[in-house]
Amino acid sequence: MTDLLTQEQIDAITDAFAKLADAIRDVIQDLVEKVIKPLVDNLISYFKSFSNSRVKHLAYHAKKYRTRKKNLHRMQKDFIRLLSG
């Protein structure tokens, strides 16, 4: 049985794929650092700042599950209102 590719050709293809993978990784890393991370940070800061402090405190520190759930739901509704306009 004859080989379709020589070892040099296989090495060249392997190097080309390695360079392509490095380039794709660099592009994705730049995208994450410059676009996605600041977007997520801004959304988190908006989420923390739009509700009043009493609702936030009760949502995270209330004794009863029902109170935590109710206030988390209030925060979610406020966040949706903020996003929708």
Foldseek 3Di string as FASTA:
>chain_A
DDDPDDPVVVVVVVVVVVVVVVVVVVVVVCCCVPPVVVVVVVLVVCLVPQDDPVLVCQLPPPPDPVSVVVSVVVSVVSSVVVVVD
